[in-house]
Structures are given as C-alpha cells and as structure tokens.
C-alpha cells in the first residue's frame, strides 16, 4: 500500500474509532493533547501522522497503534501472509513497523516487527487507561529503551518485559539499523520495572 493510500486508510480508521467512541474532534483534542486542526488534517489525510501523534490519539481512544495501522476491519484470521502484513513508516524518524499478527488474533497477542534506523528516537507518552504489557525481543543491532528515568540497553537476543504505564522511548544510538519484535498483550498491567 502506498503512503497516500495508507494515510487515507489511517485517517478513516481514526475517524471511525473516534465516532464509535462518541467523541467530537474537540473532545479527542482535549483528551489527547493534539490540536483539533491536526486531528482533522490526519483524518482527511492532509497530513501524515507521526508515531508520537498516533500514540497520543490511540491512548485517548483506548486502542493500540496496531488497531489503527493494521486497519483491522475484516473477520479474524489465523494466518497473515508476509505480503498482506501492513507496513507503516513514521515520517519524522524513519521508524518502520510491520504488523505481523493476523487482525484480532484469538490469542490476544500482537506481534510487531520494527526497524529503527541508526540515530533514530521514538518516544511514547504513558498510556494511562487500558494499558497493556509487552515484550521486546532484539533481532539485530542495539537499542536503548528509556522507561521513565531508567535506561535498558538491548543487543541481539536480549528480551525485555515492560508495560506502557510510564513514558517509553526507543533509541538507536548506533550507526547500524536495529530490528526487533514487539509482542503485546492488552489488558494486563503490573508493577514498576
């Protein structure tokens, strides 16, 4: 799917989720901290949403980024072929994510494959409501995961278990692209790391 088509699909999906939640643009703006004008531009595909902006909107709508990017509007599937897996690229950082899991997987798990370019940094605000847990498994390269004031450096094969109740930043301080897998399970929060 090309970027313009993906932007339109993301915009339609966000608008659908907002209206299903019974929220006006003003209410979503108030909950998310994103301006009404910017939300409108994203919904109309007049602007490509960044990872940080989508994170704020998803948190306010109580959905995951995968719910928006995967555009899960079809019945649950057990198989998701590589060619059918939605890809998304953050226009600011170059961060790329591929939603590998079938939409609405019966297991409740979501598997995301992430490519974080050399020198890139992607930050997420604390989730708040309906937070979820996740694990990060490093495949190639290295990343630093900043969870509030704590920093964890991960290399090939390392696995980190964490939740999204606190601010999280993924940073590639190296000159080599990094690849990792995020495995998410929603609805389970737990104590501080």
C-alpha atoms as a PDB file:
ATOM      1  CA  UNK A   1       0.000   0.000   0.000  1.00  0.00           C
ATOM      2  CA  UNK A   2       1.495   3.370  -0.957  1.00  0.00           C
ATOM      3  CA  UNK A   3       1.841   6.171   1.621  1.00  0.00           C
ATOM      4  CA  UNK A   4      -1.125   8.245   0.377  1.00  0.00           C
ATOM      5  CA  UNK A   5      -3.467   5.255   0.462  1.00  0.00           C
ATOM      6  CA  UNK A   6      -2.189   4.330   3.922  1.00  0.00           C
ATOM      7  CA  UNK A   7      -2.652   7.917   5.163  1.00  0.00           C
ATOM      8  CA  UNK A   8      -6.257   7.871   3.878  1.00  0.00           C
ATOM      9  CA  UNK A   9      -6.907   4.465   5.483  1.00  0.00           C
ATOM     10  CA  UNK A  10      -5.414   5.616   8.813  1.00  0.00           C
ATOM     11  CA  UNK A  11      -7.475   8.809   8.667  1.00  0.00           C
ATOM     12  CA  UNK A  12     -10.703   6.905   8.003  1.00  0.00           C
ATOM     13  CA  UNK A  13      -9.892   4.411  10.762  1.00  0.00           C
ATOM     14  CA  UNK A  14      -9.176   7.169  13.306  1.00  0.00           C
ATOM     15  CA  UNK A  15     -12.406   8.953  12.411  1.00  0.00           C
ATOM     16  CA  UNK A  16     -14.359   5.690  12.716  1.00  0.00           C
ATOM     17  CA  UNK A  17     -12.807   4.932  16.113  1.00  0.00           C
ATOM     18  CA  UNK A  18     -13.480   8.499  17.299  1.00  0.00           C
ATOM     19  CA  UNK A  19     -17.123   8.421  16.244  1.00  0.00           C
ATOM     20  CA  UNK A  20     -17.607   4.908  17.691  1.00  0.00           C
ATOM     21  CA  UNK A  21     -16.289   6.286  20.984  1.00  0.00           C
ATOM     22  CA  UNK A  22     -18.862   9.095  20.735  1.00  0.00           C
ATOM     23  CA  UNK A  23     -16.155  11.777  20.733  1.00  0.00           C
ATOM     24  CA  UNK A  24     -16.141  15.067  18.884  1.00  0.00           C
ATOM     25  CA  UNK A  25     -12.916  16.472  17.475  1.00  0.00           C
ATOM     26  CA  UNK A  26     -12.823  18.862  20.433  1.00  0.00           C
ATOM     27  CA  UNK A  27     -13.204  16.021  22.952  1.00  0.00           C
ATOM     28  CA  UNK A  28     -10.470  13.960  21.320  1.00  0.00           C
ATOM     29  CA  UNK A  29      -8.228  17.042  21.202  1.00  0.00           C
ATOM     30  CA  UNK A  30      -8.809  17.635  24.924  1.00  0.00           C
ATOM     31  CA  UNK A  31      -8.088  14.024  25.867  1.00  0.00           C
ATOM     32  CA  UNK A  32      -5.059  13.584  23.622  1.00  0.00           C
ATOM     33  CA  UNK A  33      -3.339  16.972  23.763  1.00  0.00           C
ATOM     34  CA  UNK A  34      -3.332  17.047  19.932  1.00  0.00           C
ATOM     35  CA  UNK A  35      -4.915  20.102  18.340  1.00  0.00           C
ATOM     36  CA  UNK A  36      -8.350  19.809  16.740  1.00  0.00           C
ATOM     37  CA  UNK A  37      -6.891  21.136  13.491  1.00  0.00           C
ATOM     38  CA  UNK A  38      -4.158  18.475  13.396  1.00  0.00           C
ATOM     39  CA  UNK A  39      -6.631  15.669  14.134  1.00  0.00           C
ATOM     40  CA  UNK A  40      -8.802  16.949  11.294  1.00  0.00           C
ATOM     41  CA  UNK A  41      -5.838  17.054   8.891  1.00  0.00           C
ATOM     42  CA  UNK A  42      -4.887  13.465   9.795  1.00  0.00           C
ATOM     43  CA  UNK A  43      -8.487  12.240   9.447  1.00  0.00           C
ATOM     44  CA  UNK A  44      -8.694  13.895   5.993  1.00  0.00           C
ATOM     45  CA  UNK A  45      -5.217  12.512   5.056  1.00  0.00           C
ATOM     46  CA  UNK A  46      -3.905  16.037   4.537  1.00  0.00           C
ATOM     47  CA  UNK A  47      -1.036  15.262   6.900  1.00  0.00           C
ATOM     48  CA  UNK A  48       0.914  12.074   7.653  1.00  0.00           C
ATOM     49  CA  UNK A  49       0.712  11.218  11.328  1.00  0.00           C
ATOM     50  CA  UNK A  50       3.917  10.662  13.284  1.00  0.00           C
ATOM     51  CA  UNK A  51       4.363   7.828  15.778  1.00  0.00           C
ATOM     52  CA  UNK A  52       4.169  10.276  18.693  1.00  0.00           C
ATOM     53  CA  UNK A  53       0.943  11.842  17.422  1.00  0.00           C
ATOM     54  CA  UNK A  54      -0.685   8.465  16.733  1.00  0.00           C
ATOM     55  CA  UNK A  55       0.345   7.290  20.205  1.00  0.00           C
ATOM     56  CA  UNK A  56      -1.468  10.246  21.806  1.00  0.00           C
ATOM     57  CA  UNK A  57      -4.602   9.680  19.725  1.00  0.00           C
ATOM     58  CA  UNK A  58      -4.611   5.922  20.353  1.00  0.00           C
ATOM     59  CA  UNK A  59      -4.194   6.402  24.104  1.00  0.00           C
ATOM     60  CA  UNK A  60      -7.107   8.859  24.140  1.00  0.00           C
ATOM     61  CA  UNK A  61      -9.249   6.430  22.108  1.00  0.00           C
ATOM     62  CA  UNK A  62      -8.218   3.393  24.231  1.00  0.00           C
ATOM     63  CA  UNK A  63      -6.902   1.494  21.207  1.00  0.00           C
ATOM     64  CA  UNK A  64      -3.453   0.302  20.217  1.00  0.00           C
ATOM     65  CA  UNK A  65      -1.435   1.694  17.337  1.00  0.00           C
ATOM     66  CA  UNK A  66      -1.914  -1.696  15.706  1.00  0.00           C
ATOM     67  CA  UNK A  67      -5.689  -1.204  15.809  1.00  0.00           C
ATOM     68  CA  UNK A  68      -5.189   1.865  13.645  1.00  0.00           C
ATOM     69  CA  UNK A  69      -2.301   0.850  11.390  1.00  0.00           C
ATOM     70  CA  UNK A  70      -3.481  -2.721  10.782  1.00  0.00           C
ATOM     71  CA  UNK A  71      -6.910  -1.367   9.887  1.00  0.00           C
ATOM     72  CA  UNK A  72      -8.492  -4.468  11.383  1.00  0.00           C
ATOM     73  CA  UNK A  73     -11.919  -4.226   9.747  1.00  0.00           C
ATOM     74  CA  UNK A  74     -12.208  -7.793   8.489  1.00  0.00           C
ATOM     75  CA  UNK A  75     -13.094 -11.011  10.334  1.00  0.00           C
ATOM     76  CA  UNK A  76     -10.406 -12.673  12.473  1.00  0.00           C
ATOM     77  CA  UNK A  77      -7.861 -14.690  10.547  1.00  0.00           C
ATOM     78  CA  UNK A  78      -5.430 -17.331  11.747  1.00  0.00           C
ATOM     79  CA  UNK A  79      -2.861 -16.684   9.028  1.00  0.00           C
ATOM     80  CA  UNK A  80      -1.258 -13.422   7.939  1.00  0.00           C
ATOM     81  CA  UNK A  81       0.951 -13.798   4.882  1.00  0.00           C
ATOM     82  CA  UNK A  82       4.025 -11.562   4.695  1.00  0.00           C
ATOM     83  CA  UNK A  83       2.671  -9.881   1.551  1.00  0.00           C
ATOM     84  CA  UNK A  84      -0.546  -8.952   3.405  1.00  0.00           C
ATOM     85  CA  UNK A  85       1.070  -7.577   6.561  1.00  0.00           C
ATOM     86  CA  UNK A  86       0.514  -3.825   6.841  1.00  0.00           C
ATOM     87  CA  UNK A  87       3.661  -1.683   6.891  1.00  0.00           C
ATOM     88  CA  UNK A  88       3.855   1.821   8.273  1.00  0.00           C
ATOM     89  CA  UNK A  89       6.704   4.361   8.343  1.00  0.00           C
ATOM     90  CA  UNK A  90       6.959   7.309  10.742  1.00  0.00           C
ATOM     91  CA  UNK A  91       7.667  10.362   8.559  1.00  0.00           C
ATOM     92  CA  UNK A  92       9.699  12.048  11.322  1.00  0.00           C
ATOM     93  CA  UNK A  93      12.090   9.327  12.497  1.00  0.00           C
ATOM     94  CA  UNK A  94      12.023   6.810   9.649  1.00  0.00           C
ATOM     95  CA  UNK A  95      10.851   4.192  12.190  1.00  0.00           C
ATOM     96  CA  UNK A  96       9.175   1.331  10.305  1.00  0.00           C
ATOM     97  CA  UNK A  97       6.749  -1.204  11.712  1.00  0.00           C
ATOM     98  CA  UNK A  98       5.171  -4.276  10.200  1.00  0.00           C
ATOM     99  CA  UNK A  99       2.095  -5.749  11.846  1.00  0.00           C
ATOM    100  CA  UNK A 100       2.864  -9.482  11.547  1.00  0.00           C
ATOM    101  CA  UNK A 101      -0.103 -10.847  13.503  1.00  0.00           C
ATOM    102  CA  UNK A 102      -3.463 -11.679  11.992  1.00  0.00           C
ATOM    103  CA  UNK A 103      -6.047  -8.996  12.879  1.00  0.00           C
ATOM    104  CA  UNK A 104      -7.930  -9.740  16.099  1.00  0.00           C
ATOM    105  CA  UNK A 105      -5.853 -12.858  16.748  1.00  0.00           C
ATOM    106  CA  UNK A 106      -7.658 -15.314  19.026  1.00  0.00           C
ATOM    107  CA  UNK A 107      -4.599 -15.432  21.311  1.00  0.00           C
ATOM    108  CA  UNK A 108      -4.939 -11.733  22.171  1.00  0.00           C
ATOM    109  CA  UNK A 109      -1.299 -11.281  21.162  1.00  0.00           C
ATOM    110  CA  UNK A 110       0.027  -8.795  18.639  1.00  0.00           C
ATOM    111  CA  UNK A 111       3.426  -9.240  17.025  1.00  0.00           C
ATOM    112  CA  UNK A 112       5.063  -6.172  15.527  1.00  0.00           C
ATOM    113  CA  UNK A 113       8.382  -6.168  13.656  1.00  0.00           C
ATOM    114  CA  UNK A 114      10.197  -2.839  13.998  1.00  0.00           C
ATOM    115  CA  UNK A 115      13.122  -1.377  12.070  1.00  0.00           C
ATOM    116  CA  UNK A 116      14.645   1.571  13.922  1.00  0.00           C
ATOM    117  CA  UNK A 117      17.143   3.470  11.757  1.00  0.00           C
ATOM    118  CA  UNK A 118      20.578   4.407  13.041  1.00  0.00           C
ATOM    119  CA  UNK A 119      20.327   7.506  15.245  1.00  0.00           C
ATOM    120  CA  UNK A 120      16.510   7.406  15.416  1.00  0.00           C
ATOM    121  CA  UNK A 121      14.498   8.033  18.569  1.00  0.00           C
ATOM    122  CA  UNK A 122      10.768   7.405  19.069  1.00  0.00           C
ATOM    123  CA  UNK A 123       9.008   8.492  22.275  1.00  0.00           C
ATOM    124  CA  UNK A 124       5.630   7.474  23.655  1.00  0.00           C
ATOM    125  CA  UNK A 125       3.625   9.090  26.441  1.00  0.00           C
ATOM    126  CA  UNK A 126       2.341   6.975  29.344  1.00  0.00           C
ATOM    127  CA  UNK A 127      -0.715   5.049  28.244  1.00  0.00           C
ATOM    128  CA  UNK A 128      -2.995   5.585  31.265  1.00  0.00           C
ATOM    129  CA  UNK A 129      -6.259   3.737  30.605  1.00  0.00           C
ATOM    130  CA  UNK A 130      -6.451   0.153  29.309  1.00  0.00           C
ATOM    131  CA  UNK A 131      -2.688  -0.173  29.438  1.00  0.00           C
ATOM    132  CA  UNK A 132      -1.044  -3.298  28.147  1.00  0.00           C
ATOM    133  CA  UNK A 133       2.112  -5.275  28.649  1.00  0.00           C
ATOM    134  CA  UNK A 134       4.659  -6.096  26.006  1.00  0.00           C
ATOM    135  CA  UNK A 135       7.979  -7.758  25.397  1.00  0.00           C
ATOM    136  CA  UNK A 136      10.747  -6.572  23.099  1.00  0.00           C
ATOM    137  CA  UNK A 137      12.995  -9.211  21.517  1.00  0.00           C
ATOM    138  CA  UNK A 138      16.107  -7.847  19.779  1.00  0.00           C
ATOM    139  CA  UNK A 139      16.824  -9.476  16.426  1.00  0.00           C
ATOM    140  CA  UNK A 140      19.650  -7.290  15.033  1.00  0.00           C
ATOM    141  CA  UNK A 141      21.607  -4.282  16.251  1.00  0.00           C
ATOM    142  CA  UNK A 142      21.090  -2.489  19.539  1.00  0.00           C
ATOM    143  CA  UNK A 143      18.562  -0.132  21.102  1.00  0.00           C
ATOM    144  CA  UNK A 144      18.222   1.756  24.341  1.00  0.00           C
ATOM    145  CA  UNK A 145      14.795   1.619  25.942  1.00  0.00           C
ATOM    146  CA  UNK A 146      14.161   4.522  28.311  1.00  0.00           C
ATOM    147  CA  UNK A 147      11.305   3.822  30.732  1.00  0.00           C
ATOM    148  CA  UNK A 148      10.808   6.966  32.783  1.00  0.00           C
ATOM    149  CA  UNK A 149      14.292   7.612  34.231  1.00  0.00           C
ATOM    150  CA  UNK A 150      15.600   4.057  33.768  1.00  0.00           C
ATOM    151  CA  UNK A 151      17.574   3.051  30.656  1.00  0.00           C
ATOM    152  CA  UNK A 152      18.000  -0.516  29.440  1.00  0.00           C
ATOM    153  CA  UNK A 153      20.446  -1.285  26.607  1.00  0.00           C
ATOM    154  CA  UNK A 154      19.481  -4.272  24.469  1.00  0.00           C
ATOM    155  CA  UNK A 155      21.551  -6.257  21.948  1.00  0.00           C
ATOM    156  CA  UNK A 156      20.922  -9.287  19.721  1.00  0.00           C
ATOM    157  CA  UNK A 157      18.846 -11.906  21.518  1.00  0.00           C
ATOM    158  CA  UNK A 158      18.009  -9.785  24.594  1.00  0.00           C
ATOM    159  CA  UNK A 159      14.366  -9.698  25.695  1.00  0.00           C
ATOM    160  CA  UNK A 160      12.724  -7.000  27.843  1.00  0.00           C
ATOM    161  CA  UNK A 161       9.316  -7.309  29.525  1.00  0.00           C
ATOM    162  CA  UNK A 162       7.607  -3.969  30.287  1.00  0.00           C
ATOM    163  CA  UNK A 163       4.288  -2.138  30.351  1.00  0.00           C
ATOM    164  CA  UNK A 164       3.200   1.203  28.901  1.00  0.00           C
ATOM    165  CA  UNK A 165       2.046   2.815  32.157  1.00  0.00           C
ATOM    166  CA  UNK A 166       5.088   5.110  32.024  1.00  0.00           C
ATOM    167  CA  UNK A 167       6.755   7.151  29.278  1.00  0.00           C
ATOM    168  CA  UNK A 168       8.802   4.907  26.957  1.00  0.00           C
ATOM    169  CA  UNK A 169      11.437   5.948  24.415  1.00  0.00           C
ATOM    170  CA  UNK A 170      13.159   3.655  21.931  1.00  0.00           C
ATOM    171  CA  UNK A 171      16.534   4.983  20.785  1.00  0.00           C
ATOM    172  CA  UNK A 172      19.108   3.637  18.377  1.00  0.00           C
ATOM    173  CA  UNK A 173      22.373   5.289  19.418  1.00  0.00           C
ATOM    174  CA  UNK A 174      24.417   3.257  16.930  1.00  0.00           C
ATOM    175  CA  UNK A 175      25.343   3.718  13.258  1.00  0.00           C
ATOM    176  CA  UNK A 176      23.557   0.485  12.308  1.00  0.00           C
ATOM    177  CA  UNK A 177      19.827  -0.009  11.815  1.00  0.00           C
ATOM    178  CA  UNK A 178      18.182  -2.089  14.525  1.00  0.00           C
ATOM    179  CA  UNK A 179      15.427  -4.670  14.160  1.00  0.00           C
ATOM    180  CA  UNK A 180      13.314  -6.014  16.968  1.00  0.00           C
ATOM    181  CA  UNK A 181       9.993  -7.679  17.624  1.00  0.00           C
ATOM    182  CA  UNK A 182       7.365  -6.290  19.990  1.00  0.00           C
ATOM    183  CA  UNK A 183       4.917  -8.834  21.387  1.00  0.00           C
ATOM    184  CA  UNK A 184       1.920  -7.202  23.023  1.00  0.00           C
ATOM    185  CA  UNK A 185      -0.877  -8.440  25.211  1.00  0.00           C
ATOM    186  CA  UNK A 186      -3.510  -5.926  26.152  1.00  0.00           C
ATOM    187  CA  UNK A 187      -5.392  -5.611  29.407  1.00  0.00           C
ATOM    188  CA  UNK A 188      -2.639  -6.741  31.770  1.00  0.00           C
ATOM    189  CA  UNK A 189      -0.808  -4.109  33.774  1.00  0.00           C
ATOM    190  CA  UNK A 190       1.652  -4.743  36.533  1.00  0.00           C
ATOM    191  CA  UNK A 191       4.128  -3.095  38.885  1.00  0.00           C
ATOM    192  CA  UNK A 192       7.038  -0.813  38.174  1.00  0.00           C
ATOM    193  CA  UNK A 193      10.126  -2.120  36.443  1.00  0.00           C
END
